[in-house]
Amino acid sequence: MLQTFLLGIDRFSMAVGHAFAWCIVILAVGTSYEVFVRYVLNDPTAWAFDMSYILYGGLFLMSGAYALSRNAHVRGDVLYRLWPVRVQGTVELILYFIFFFPGVTSLIIAGYGYAHDSFGYLEVSVNSPVGVPIWQLKALIPLAGIMLFIQGVAQVIRCILAIRDGEWPAKLHDVEELEDVIAEEHKQHDAQKGEAA
């Protein structure tokens, strides 16, 4: 039951992360178009800069919970990976409550203020004469904070289970790090060598 709950949160974070990953395609097409019209036709667009930071900002904000669910954030794990699982879980649990939840809660509260004000006067970009609306980007700030908070709750539960059981609970595996794939192949190769000998 608890594992189903955790994987459900992971699936939600993954679905949102995958949906916003399409921003990369739109960014690539839009930027390529801008480069073509700017340098070939000598007719630059007025909206390309706004489009790039709005889409990249949306991608960055809404992929945070997905990255957290996959342990994809940058971390200094030189010592961490050498610790026993129970020590890893204990340290992570403490750090979630000291740093993560206060920071994410601040993001939600401050982000709500920014989003509310921006939506109130339908804020537009001051970086171009087109006046591209940017209130929707600011609306993503508290939403991203809420998603991070929910994923953080799942991570805390995983820490507690790791402390209790001595092993990390299963996670979704939709993408694998190349380093992990190579390490697994080496293990299998070494096991086959051992059986052959």
N, C-alpha and C. Protein backbone atom coordinates (compact mmCIF):
# COMPACT_ATOMS: atom_id res chain seq x y z
N MET A 1 0.83 -1.20 0.00
CA MET A 1 0.00 0.00 0.00
C MET A 1 0.87 1.26 0.00
N LEU A 2 1.85 1.29 0.90
CA LEU A 2 2.74 2.45 0.99
C LEU A 2 3.58 2.57 -0.27
N GLN A 3 4.06 1.43 -0.79
CA GLN A 3 4.85 1.44 -2.02
C GLN A 3 4.01 1.95 -3.19
N THR A 4 2.75 1.59 -3.25
CA THR A 4 1.85 2.07 -4.29
C THR A 4 1.68 3.58 -4.21
N PHE A 5 1.55 4.09 -2.98
CA PHE A 5 1.44 5.54 -2.76
C PHE A 5 2.70 6.26 -3.26
N LEU A 6 3.87 5.73 -2.90
CA LEU A 6 5.13 6.36 -3.31
C LEU A 6 5.29 6.34 -4.82
N LEU A 7 4.99 5.20 -5.44
CA LEU A 7 5.11 5.10 -6.89
C LEU A 7 4.07 5.98 -7.59
N GLY A 8 2.91 6.18 -6.96
CA GLY A 8 1.90 7.08 -7.52
C GLY A 8 2.41 8.52 -7.57
N ILE A 9 3.07 8.94 -6.50
CA ILE A 9 3.66 10.29 -6.49
C ILE A 9 4.74 10.39 -7.55
N ASP A 10 5.59 9.35 -7.65
CA ASP A 10 6.63 9.34 -8.68
C ASP A 10 6.03 9.43 -10.08
N ARG A 11 4.94 8.69 -10.31
CA ARG A 11 4.31 8.71 -11.63
C ARG A 11 3.76 10.10 -11.96
N PHE A 12 3.17 10.74 -10.97
CA PHE A 12 2.65 12.09 -11.19
C PHE A 12 3.79 13.06 -11.53
N SER A 13 4.87 13.01 -10.76
CA SER A 13 6.03 13.88 -11.04
C SER A 13 6.60 13.58 -12.41
N MET A 14 6.66 12.29 -12.76
CA MET A 14 7.20 11.90 -14.06
C MET A 14 6.30 12.41 -15.19
N ALA A 15 4.98 12.29 -15.03
CA ALA A 15 4.06 12.73 -16.08
C ALA A 15 4.20 14.23 -16.32
N VAL A 16 4.28 15.00 -15.25
CA VAL A 16 4.43 16.46 -15.40
C VAL A 16 5.79 16.79 -16.01
N GLY A 17 6.85 16.12 -15.54
CA GLY A 17 8.18 16.35 -16.10
C GLY A 17 8.24 16.01 -17.58
N HIS A 18 7.65 14.88 -17.96
CA HIS A 18 7.64 14.50 -19.38
C HIS A 18 6.82 15.48 -20.21
N ALA A 19 5.70 15.95 -19.68
CA ALA A 19 4.87 16.90 -20.42
C ALA A 19 5.65 18.20 -20.67
N PHE A 20 6.34 18.69 -19.65
CA PHE A 20 7.07 19.94 -19.82
C PHE A 20 8.37 19.75 -20.59
N ALA A 21 8.82 18.50 -20.77
CA ALA A 21 10.00 18.25 -21.59
C ALA A 21 9.76 18.65 -23.05
N TRP A 22 8.49 18.68 -23.44
CA TRP A 22 8.17 19.12 -24.80
C TRP A 22 8.56 20.57 -25.03
N CYS A 23 8.78 21.32 -23.97
CA CYS A 23 9.27 22.70 -24.12
C CYS A 23 10.60 22.72 -24.87
N ILE A 24 11.39 21.66 -24.73
CA ILE A 24 12.69 21.59 -25.41
C ILE A 24 12.49 21.59 -26.92
N VAL A 25 11.52 20.83 -27.38
CA VAL A 25 11.25 20.77 -28.83
C VAL A 25 10.79 22.14 -29.33
N ILE A 26 9.87 22.75 -28.61
CA ILE A 26 9.37 24.07 -29.01
C ILE A 26 10.51 25.09 -28.99
N LEU A 27 11.37 25.00 -27.96
CA LEU A 27 12.53 25.90 -27.89
C LEU A 27 13.45 25.71 -29.08
N ALA A 28 13.72 24.47 -29.44
CA ALA A 28 14.62 24.19 -30.56
C ALA A 28 14.05 24.73 -31.87
N VAL A 29 12.76 24.50 -32.11
CA VAL A 29 12.12 24.98 -33.33
C VAL A 29 12.08 26.51 -33.34
N GLY A 30 11.66 27.11 -32.23
CA GLY A 30 11.58 28.56 -32.16
C GLY A 30 12.92 29.24 -32.30
N THR A 31 13.94 28.69 -31.65
CA THR A 31 15.28 29.28 -31.74
C THR A 31 15.85 29.11 -33.14
N SER A 32 15.63 27.96 -33.75
CA SER A 32 16.11 27.75 -35.12
C SER A 32 15.44 28.74 -36.08
N TYR A 33 14.15 28.93 -35.90
CA TYR A 33 13.42 29.90 -36.73
C TYR A 33 14.00 31.30 -36.55
N GLU A 34 14.24 31.67 -35.28
CA GLU A 34 14.79 33.00 -34.99
C GLU A 34 16.17 33.18 -35.64
N VAL A 35 17.02 32.17 -35.54
CA VAL A 35 18.36 32.26 -36.15
C VAL A 35 18.24 32.41 -37.66
N PHE A 36 17.33 31.65 -38.26
CA PHE A 36 17.16 31.74 -39.72
C PHE A 36 16.69 33.12 -40.15
N VAL A 37 15.63 33.62 -39.52
CA VAL A 37 15.10 34.92 -39.96
C VAL A 37 16.04 36.07 -39.58
N ARG A 38 16.79 35.91 -38.51
CA ARG A 38 17.70 36.98 -38.10
C ARG A 38 18.91 37.07 -39.02
N TYR A 39 19.54 35.92 -39.30
CA TYR A 39 20.81 35.95 -40.03
C TYR A 39 20.69 35.72 -41.53
N VAL A 40 19.64 35.04 -41.95
CA VAL A 40 19.47 34.81 -43.39
C VAL A 40 18.58 35.88 -44.01
N LEU A 41 17.46 36.16 -43.35
CA LEU A 41 16.51 37.13 -43.90
C LEU A 41 16.69 38.54 -43.34
N ASN A 42 17.57 38.67 -42.36
CA ASN A 42 17.83 39.95 -41.72
C ASN A 42 16.54 40.60 -41.20
N ASP A 43 15.68 39.78 -40.59
CA ASP A 43 14.38 40.23 -40.09
C ASP A 43 14.09 39.56 -38.74
N PRO A 44 14.80 39.97 -37.68
CA PRO A 44 14.64 39.28 -36.40
C PRO A 44 13.23 39.44 -35.82
N THR A 45 12.84 38.46 -35.03
CA THR A 45 11.52 38.51 -34.40
C THR A 45 11.61 39.33 -33.11
N ALA A 46 10.46 39.78 -32.66
CA ALA A 46 10.40 40.55 -31.42
C ALA A 46 10.07 39.65 -30.23
N TRP A 47 9.73 38.41 -30.47
CA TRP A 47 9.24 37.53 -29.41
C TRP A 47 10.21 36.41 -29.03
N ALA A 48 11.30 36.21 -29.75
CA ALA A 48 12.16 35.04 -29.55
C ALA A 48 12.79 35.01 -28.15
N PHE A 49 13.28 36.15 -27.68
CA PHE A 49 13.91 36.16 -26.35
C PHE A 49 12.90 35.81 -25.27
N ASP A 50 11.73 36.42 -25.34
CA ASP A 50 10.68 36.12 -24.35
C ASP A 50 10.28 34.65 -24.40
N MET A 51 10.12 34.13 -25.62
CA MET A 51 9.75 32.73 -25.77
C MET A 51 10.78 31.82 -25.11
N SER A 52 12.05 32.13 -25.31
CA SER A 52 13.09 31.25 -24.79
C SER A 52 13.11 31.25 -23.26
N TYR A 53 13.01 32.40 -22.63
CA TYR A 53 13.09 32.36 -21.17
C TYR A 53 11.80 31.88 -20.53
N ILE A 54 10.66 32.09 -21.18
CA ILE A 54 9.40 31.58 -20.63
C ILE A 54 9.38 30.05 -20.72
N LEU A 55 9.73 29.50 -21.88
CA LEU A 55 9.72 28.05 -22.03
C LEU A 55 10.79 27.38 -21.17
N TYR A 56 11.99 27.95 -21.15
CA TYR A 56 13.04 27.36 -20.32
C TYR A 56 12.68 27.48 -18.84
N GLY A 57 12.13 28.61 -18.45
CA GLY A 57 11.71 28.78 -17.06
C GLY A 57 10.63 27.77 -16.67
N GLY A 58 9.65 27.57 -17.55
CA GLY A 58 8.60 26.59 -17.29
C GLY A 58 9.17 25.18 -17.19
N LEU A 59 10.08 24.85 -18.10
CA LEU A 59 10.73 23.53 -18.08
C LEU A 59 11.50 23.33 -16.78
N PHE A 60 12.27 24.32 -16.40
CA PHE A 60 13.08 24.23 -15.19
C PHE A 60 12.21 24.08 -13.94
N LEU A 61 11.19 24.91 -13.84
CA LEU A 61 10.32 24.87 -12.66
C LEU A 61 9.56 23.55 -12.54
N MET A 62 8.96 23.12 -13.62
CA MET A 62 8.04 21.98 -13.55
C MET A 62 8.75 20.63 -13.65
N SER A 63 10.04 20.62 -13.87
CA SER A 63 10.79 19.36 -13.90
C SER A 63 11.49 19.09 -12.58
N GLY A 64 11.40 20.01 -11.63
CA GLY A 64 12.11 19.85 -10.37
C GLY A 64 11.67 18.63 -9.57
N ALA A 65 10.37 18.41 -9.48
CA ALA A 65 9.87 17.25 -8.71
C ALA A 65 10.26 15.95 -9.40
N TYR A 66 10.23 15.93 -10.72
CA TYR A 66 10.65 14.74 -11.47
C TYR A 66 12.13 14.46 -11.21
N ALA A 67 12.95 15.50 -11.26
CA ALA A 67 14.39 15.32 -11.00
C ALA A 67 14.61 14.81 -9.58
N LEU A 68 13.85 15.33 -8.63
CA LEU A 68 13.98 14.86 -7.25
C LEU A 68 13.60 13.39 -7.13
N SER A 69 12.56 12.97 -7.83
CA SER A 69 12.13 11.57 -7.76
C SER A 69 13.16 10.62 -8.36
N ARG A 70 14.00 11.12 -9.26
CA ARG A 70 15.01 10.30 -9.93
C ARG A 70 16.40 10.48 -9.33
N ASN A 71 16.53 11.27 -8.24
CA ASN A 71 17.84 11.59 -7.66
C ASN A 71 18.75 12.23 -8.70
N ALA A 72 18.19 13.09 -9.52
CA ALA A 72 18.95 13.71 -10.61
C ALA A 72 19.54 15.06 -10.24
N HIS A 73 19.25 15.56 -9.05
CA HIS A 73 19.82 16.84 -8.64
C HIS A 73 21.31 16.67 -8.34
N VAL A 74 22.04 17.75 -8.49
CA VAL A 74 23.47 17.72 -8.21
C VAL A 74 23.66 17.51 -6.72
N ARG A 75 24.52 16.59 -6.38
CA ARG A 75 24.81 16.35 -4.97
C ARG A 75 26.26 15.91 -4.86
N GLY A 76 26.89 16.30 -3.77
CA GLY A 76 28.26 15.86 -3.50
C GLY A 76 28.19 14.54 -2.75
N ASP A 77 28.22 13.44 -3.49
CA ASP A 77 28.03 12.14 -2.85
C ASP A 77 29.32 11.32 -2.78
N VAL A 78 30.45 12.00 -2.66
CA VAL A 78 31.73 11.30 -2.57
C VAL A 78 31.74 10.41 -1.33
N LEU A 79 31.32 10.93 -0.20
CA LEU A 79 31.25 10.14 1.02
C LEU A 79 29.92 9.42 1.16
N TYR A 80 28.86 10.06 0.72
CA TYR A 80 27.49 9.55 0.89
C TYR A 80 27.35 8.13 0.35
N ARG A 81 27.89 7.90 -0.83
CA ARG A 81 27.71 6.58 -1.45
C ARG A 81 28.45 5.47 -0.71
N LEU A 82 29.39 5.82 0.14
CA LEU A 82 30.14 4.83 0.91
C LEU A 82 29.46 4.46 2.22
N TRP A 83 28.48 5.26 2.64
CA TRP A 83 27.81 5.02 3.91
C TRP A 83 26.82 3.88 3.80
N PRO A 84 26.53 3.21 4.91
CA PRO A 84 25.45 2.22 4.91
C PRO A 84 24.11 2.91 4.63
N VAL A 85 23.16 2.14 4.13
CA VAL A 85 21.86 2.69 3.74
C VAL A 85 21.18 3.40 4.91
N ARG A 86 21.26 2.84 6.10
CA ARG A 86 20.60 3.47 7.26
C ARG A 86 21.20 4.84 7.57
N VAL A 87 22.50 4.98 7.41
CA VAL A 87 23.15 6.28 7.63
C VAL A 87 22.74 7.26 6.53
N GLN A 88 22.70 6.78 5.29
CA GLN A 88 22.24 7.63 4.18
C GLN A 88 20.83 8.15 4.45
N GLY A 89 19.95 7.24 4.83
CA GLY A 89 18.56 7.63 5.11
C GLY A 89 18.45 8.62 6.24
N THR A 90 19.23 8.41 7.30
CA THR A 90 19.20 9.32 8.45
C THR A 90 19.67 10.72 8.07
N VAL A 91 20.79 10.79 7.34
CA VAL A 91 21.33 12.09 6.93
C VAL A 91 20.34 12.80 6.00
N GLU A 92 19.81 12.07 5.03
CA GLU A 92 18.84 12.69 4.11
C GLU A 92 17.61 13.18 4.85
N LEU A 93 17.11 12.37 5.77
CA LEU A 93 15.91 12.75 6.53
C LEU A 93 16.15 14.06 7.29
N ILE A 94 17.27 14.16 7.96
CA ILE A 94 17.60 15.38 8.71
C ILE A 94 17.71 16.58 7.77
N LEU A 95 18.40 16.38 6.63
CA LEU A 95 18.60 17.49 5.70
C LEU A 95 17.29 17.94 5.04
N TYR A 96 16.37 17.00 4.82
CA TYR A 96 15.07 17.40 4.26
C TYR A 96 14.38 18.38 5.20
N PHE A 97 14.44 18.12 6.50
CA PHE A 97 13.73 18.99 7.44
C PHE A 97 14.50 20.28 7.75
N ILE A 98 15.81 20.26 7.65
CA ILE A 98 16.59 21.48 7.93
C ILE A 98 16.59 22.42 6.72
N PHE A 99 16.75 21.87 5.51
CA PHE A 99 16.92 22.73 4.33
C PHE A 99 15.77 22.64 3.33
N PHE A 100 15.39 21.43 2.94
CA PHE A 100 14.45 21.26 1.83
C PHE A 100 13.08 21.85 2.13
N PHE A 101 12.43 21.38 3.18
CA PHE A 101 11.05 21.83 3.44
C PHE A 101 10.96 23.33 3.77
N PRO A 102 11.89 23.90 4.55
CA PRO A 102 11.80 25.36 4.73
C PRO A 102 11.98 26.13 3.40
N GLY A 103 12.91 25.67 2.56
CA GLY A 103 13.13 26.34 1.28
C GLY A 103 11.94 26.22 0.34
N VAL A 104 11.38 25.02 0.26
CA VAL A 104 10.25 24.80 -0.63
C VAL A 104 9.01 25.52 -0.12
N THR A 105 8.82 25.55 1.20
CA THR A 105 7.69 26.28 1.77
C THR A 105 7.82 27.78 1.45
N SER A 106 9.03 28.30 1.55
CA SER A 106 9.26 29.71 1.19
C SER A 106 8.97 29.95 -0.29
N LEU A 107 9.34 29.00 -1.13
CA LEU A 107 9.07 29.12 -2.56
C LEU A 107 7.56 29.17 -2.82
N ILE A 108 6.81 28.35 -2.12
CA ILE A 108 5.35 28.33 -2.30
C ILE A 108 4.74 29.66 -1.85
N ILE A 109 5.14 30.13 -0.67
CA ILE A 109 4.55 31.35 -0.12
C ILE A 109 4.93 32.57 -0.95
N ALA A 110 6.23 32.74 -1.20
CA ALA A 110 6.68 33.89 -2.00
C ALA A 110 6.17 33.78 -3.43
N GLY A 111 6.20 32.57 -3.99
CA GLY A 111 5.73 32.36 -5.35
C GLY A 111 4.27 32.69 -5.51
N TYR A 112 3.48 32.36 -4.49
CA TYR A 112 2.05 32.70 -4.54
C TYR A 112 1.88 34.22 -4.62
N GLY A 113 2.67 34.95 -3.84
CA GLY A 113 2.59 36.42 -3.88
C GLY A 113 2.95 36.97 -5.25
N TYR A 114 4.04 36.46 -5.84
CA TYR A 114 4.43 36.90 -7.19
C TYR A 114 3.35 36.57 -8.21
N ALA A 115 2.84 35.33 -8.14
CA ALA A 115 1.83 34.90 -9.10
C ALA A 115 0.55 35.71 -8.96
N HIS A 116 0.14 35.95 -7.73
CA HIS A 116 -1.09 36.71 -7.48
C HIS A 116 -0.98 38.12 -8.03
N ASP A 117 0.13 38.79 -7.72
CA ASP A 117 0.33 40.16 -8.21
C ASP A 117 0.42 40.20 -9.74
N SER A 118 1.17 39.25 -10.30
CA SER A 118 1.35 39.22 -11.75
C SER A 118 0.03 38.97 -12.47
N PHE A 119 -0.77 38.04 -11.95
CA PHE A 119 -2.08 37.75 -12.54
C PHE A 119 -3.03 38.93 -12.37
N GLY A 120 -2.90 39.65 -11.25
CA GLY A 120 -3.77 40.78 -10.96
C GLY A 120 -3.72 41.87 -12.01
N TYR A 121 -2.52 42.14 -12.53
CA TYR A 121 -2.44 43.18 -13.57
C TYR A 121 -2.00 42.60 -14.92
N LEU A 122 -2.14 41.27 -15.08
CA LEU A 122 -1.81 40.58 -16.33
C LEU A 122 -0.47 41.05 -16.87
N GLU A 123 0.55 40.78 -16.08
CA GLU A 123 1.91 41.23 -16.38
C GLU A 123 2.39 40.77 -17.75
N VAL A 124 3.08 41.67 -18.43
CA VAL A 124 3.69 41.36 -19.71
C VAL A 124 5.18 41.64 -19.63
N SER A 125 5.93 41.09 -20.56
CA SER A 125 7.37 41.25 -20.58
C SER A 125 7.75 42.68 -20.96
N VAL A 126 8.77 43.18 -20.29
CA VAL A 126 9.29 44.51 -20.63
C VAL A 126 10.51 44.40 -21.53
N ASN A 127 10.86 43.16 -21.92
CA ASN A 127 12.06 42.94 -22.73
C ASN A 127 11.83 43.09 -24.22
N SER A 128 10.59 43.22 -24.65
CA SER A 128 10.33 43.38 -26.07
C SER A 128 9.11 44.28 -26.27
N PRO A 129 9.00 44.88 -27.44
CA PRO A 129 7.85 45.75 -27.71
C PRO A 129 6.54 44.98 -27.90
N VAL A 130 6.63 43.68 -28.05
CA VAL A 130 5.44 42.87 -28.31
C VAL A 130 4.56 42.78 -27.07
N GLY A 131 5.16 42.83 -25.90
CA GLY A 131 4.39 42.71 -24.66
C GLY A 131 3.87 41.29 -24.43
N VAL A 132 4.77 40.32 -24.54
CA VAL A 132 4.39 38.92 -24.35
C VAL A 132 3.94 38.72 -22.90
N PRO A 133 2.79 38.09 -22.69
CA PRO A 133 2.33 37.85 -21.31
C PRO A 133 3.27 36.90 -20.56
N ILE A 134 3.60 37.26 -19.33
CA ILE A 134 4.47 36.38 -18.53
C ILE A 134 3.82 35.98 -17.20
N TRP A 135 2.57 36.38 -17.00
CA TRP A 135 1.92 36.02 -15.73
C TRP A 135 1.77 34.51 -15.59
N GLN A 136 1.62 33.79 -16.72
CA GLN A 136 1.49 32.35 -16.61
C GLN A 136 2.78 31.68 -16.13
N LEU A 137 3.94 32.24 -16.48
CA LEU A 137 5.20 31.71 -15.97
C LEU A 137 5.28 31.90 -14.46
N LYS A 138 4.87 33.06 -14.00
CA LYS A 138 4.92 33.31 -12.55
C LYS A 138 3.91 32.44 -11.80
N ALA A 139 2.83 32.05 -12.48
CA ALA A 139 1.86 31.15 -11.85
C ALA A 139 2.46 29.76 -11.62
N LEU A 140 3.49 29.41 -12.39
CA LEU A 140 4.13 28.11 -12.22
C LEU A 140 5.01 28.05 -10.97
N ILE A 141 5.42 29.19 -10.43
CA ILE A 141 6.33 29.20 -9.28
C ILE A 141 5.71 28.50 -8.07
N PRO A 142 4.54 28.90 -7.59
CA PRO A 142 3.98 28.18 -6.44
C PRO A 142 3.57 26.75 -6.79
N LEU A 143 3.15 26.53 -8.03
CA LEU A 143 2.78 25.18 -8.45
C LEU A 143 3.99 24.25 -8.41
N ALA A 144 5.13 24.74 -8.87
CA ALA A 144 6.36 23.95 -8.79
C ALA A 144 6.74 23.67 -7.35
N GLY A 145 6.55 24.66 -6.48
CA GLY A 145 6.84 24.46 -5.06
C GLY A 145 5.94 23.40 -4.45
N ILE A 146 4.67 23.40 -4.80
CA ILE A 146 3.74 22.39 -4.29
C ILE A 146 4.14 21.01 -4.77
N MET A 147 4.51 20.90 -6.03
CA MET A 147 4.93 19.59 -6.55
C MET A 147 6.20 19.11 -5.86
N LEU A 148 7.15 20.01 -5.64
CA LEU A 148 8.37 19.64 -4.91
C LEU A 148 8.04 19.20 -3.49
N PHE A 149 7.12 19.89 -2.85
CA PHE A 149 6.73 19.54 -1.48
C PHE A 149 6.14 18.13 -1.45
N ILE A 150 5.25 17.83 -2.38
CA ILE A 150 4.63 16.49 -2.43
C ILE A 150 5.70 15.42 -2.69
N GLN A 151 6.59 15.68 -3.63
CA GLN A 151 7.65 14.70 -3.91
C GLN A 151 8.58 14.59 -2.71
N GLY A 152 8.80 15.69 -2.01
CA GLY A 152 9.63 15.66 -0.80
C GLY A 152 9.03 14.79 0.28
N VAL A 153 7.70 14.79 0.42
CA VAL A 153 7.03 13.91 1.37
C VAL A 153 7.32 12.46 1.01
N ALA A 154 7.24 12.13 -0.28
CA ALA A 154 7.55 10.76 -0.72
C ALA A 154 9.00 10.40 -0.40
N GLN A 155 9.90 11.36 -0.60
CA GLN A 155 11.32 11.09 -0.32
C GLN A 155 11.55 10.88 1.18
N VAL A 156 10.85 11.63 2.02
CA VAL A 156 10.98 11.46 3.47
C VAL A 156 10.48 10.07 3.88
N ILE A 157 9.38 9.64 3.30
CA ILE A 157 8.88 8.30 3.60
C ILE A 157 9.90 7.26 3.17
N ARG A 158 10.54 7.47 2.02
CA ARG A 158 11.59 6.54 1.57
C ARG A 158 12.76 6.52 2.56
N CYS A 159 13.12 7.68 3.09
CA CYS A 159 14.20 7.73 4.09
C CYS A 159 13.84 6.92 5.32
N ILE A 160 12.62 7.08 5.79
CA ILE A 160 12.16 6.35 6.98
C ILE A 160 12.18 4.84 6.71
N LEU A 161 11.72 4.44 5.53
CA LEU A 161 11.74 3.02 5.18
C LEU A 161 13.17 2.49 5.06
N ALA A 162 14.08 3.32 4.52
CA ALA A 162 15.48 2.91 4.41
C ALA A 162 16.10 2.74 5.79
N ILE A 163 15.77 3.62 6.71
CA ILE A 163 16.29 3.51 8.08
C ILE A 163 15.74 2.24 8.73
N ARG A 164 14.47 1.97 8.52
CA ARG A 164 13.83 0.81 9.14
C ARG A 164 14.31 -0.51 8.54
N ASP A 165 14.39 -0.57 7.19
CA ASP A 165 14.64 -1.83 6.50
C ASP A 165 16.10 -2.06 6.11
N GLY A 166 16.89 -1.00 6.09
CA GLY A 166 18.29 -1.16 5.68
C GLY A 166 18.49 -1.21 4.18
N GLU A 167 17.46 -0.90 3.41
CA GLU A 167 17.58 -0.81 1.96
C GLU A 167 16.58 0.22 1.44
N TRP A 168 16.95 0.84 0.32
CA TRP A 168 16.08 1.86 -0.24
C TRP A 168 14.90 1.22 -0.94
N PRO A 169 13.69 1.78 -0.77
CA PRO A 169 12.51 1.25 -1.47
C PRO A 169 12.65 1.44 -2.98
N ALA A 170 11.92 0.63 -3.71
CA ALA A 170 11.96 0.70 -5.18
C ALA A 170 11.45 2.04 -5.68
N LYS A 171 12.01 2.47 -6.81
CA LYS A 171 11.57 3.69 -7.48
C LYS A 171 11.19 3.33 -8.91
N LEU A 172 10.51 4.26 -9.57
CA LEU A 172 10.21 4.06 -10.98
C LEU A 172 11.49 4.14 -11.78
N HIS A 173 11.56 3.38 -12.86
CA HIS A 173 12.74 3.40 -13.71
C HIS A 173 12.32 3.66 -15.14
N ASP A 174 12.23 4.91 -15.50
CA ASP A 174 11.87 5.24 -16.88
C ASP A 174 13.10 5.63 -17.69
N VAL A 175 14.13 6.12 -17.02
CA VAL A 175 15.38 6.50 -17.67
C VAL A 175 16.50 6.03 -16.75
N GLU A 176 17.56 5.50 -17.32
CA GLU A 176 18.68 5.03 -16.52
C GLU A 176 19.92 5.88 -16.80
N GLU A 177 20.67 6.14 -15.76
CA GLU A 177 21.94 6.83 -15.93
C GLU A 177 22.91 5.88 -16.62
N LEU A 178 23.70 6.38 -17.55
CA LEU A 178 24.65 5.56 -18.28
C LEU A 178 25.63 4.88 -17.33
N GLU A 179 26.04 5.59 -16.30
CA GLU A 179 26.97 5.04 -15.31
C GLU A 179 26.38 3.80 -14.64
N ASP A 180 25.09 3.84 -14.31
CA ASP A 180 24.43 2.70 -13.68
C ASP A 180 24.31 1.52 -14.64
N VAL A 181 24.00 1.81 -15.90
CA VAL A 181 23.87 0.75 -16.91
C VAL A 181 25.21 0.05 -17.10
N ILE A 182 26.29 0.82 -17.20
CA ILE A 182 27.62 0.24 -17.39
C ILE A 182 28.03 -0.59 -16.18
N ALA A 183 27.75 -0.07 -14.97
CA ALA A 183 28.08 -0.81 -13.75
C ALA A 183 27.34 -2.14 -13.70
N GLU A 184 26.06 -2.14 -14.09
CA GLU A 184 25.27 -3.37 -14.10
C GLU A 184 25.80 -4.36 -15.13
N GLU A 185 26.21 -3.87 -16.30
CA GLU A 185 26.79 -4.74 -17.32
C GLU A 185 28.08 -5.38 -16.82
N HIS A 186 28.91 -4.60 -16.10
CA HIS A 186 30.15 -5.14 -15.55
C HIS A 186 29.86 -6.22 -14.52
N LYS A 187 28.85 -6.00 -13.68
CA LYS A 187 28.48 -7.02 -12.69
C LYS A 187 28.05 -8.31 -13.37
N GLN A 188 27.22 -8.19 -14.40
CA GLN A 188 26.75 -9.37 -15.11
C GLN A 188 27.90 -10.09 -15.80
N HIS A 189 28.81 -9.32 -16.40
CA HIS A 189 29.98 -9.89 -17.07
C HIS A 189 30.86 -10.63 -16.07
N ASP A 190 31.11 -10.01 -14.90
CA ASP A 190 31.92 -10.64 -13.88
C ASP A 190 31.26 -11.91 -13.33
N ALA A 191 29.94 -11.89 -13.21
CA ALA A 191 29.21 -13.07 -12.72
C ALA A 191 29.31 -14.20 -13.74
N GLN A 192 29.24 -13.87 -15.03
CA GLN A 192 29.35 -14.90 -16.06
C GLN A 192 30.76 -15.49 -16.08
N LYS A 193 31.76 -14.65 -15.86
CA LYS A 193 33.15 -15.13 -15.81
C LYS A 193 33.33 -16.10 -14.65
N GLY A 194 32.75 -15.75 -13.50
CA GLY A 194 32.84 -16.58 -12.31
C GLY A 194 32.17 -17.94 -12.51
N GLU A 195 31.05 -17.95 -13.22
CA GLU A 195 30.36 -19.22 -13.48
C GLU A 195 31.13 -20.08 -14.46
N ALA A 196 31.79 -19.44 -15.42
CA ALA A 196 32.55 -20.19 -16.42
C ALA A 196 33.81 -20.82 -15.84
N ALA A 197 34.36 -20.19 -14.80
CA ALA A 197 35.65 -20.67 -14.24
C ALA A 197 35.51 -21.88 -13.38
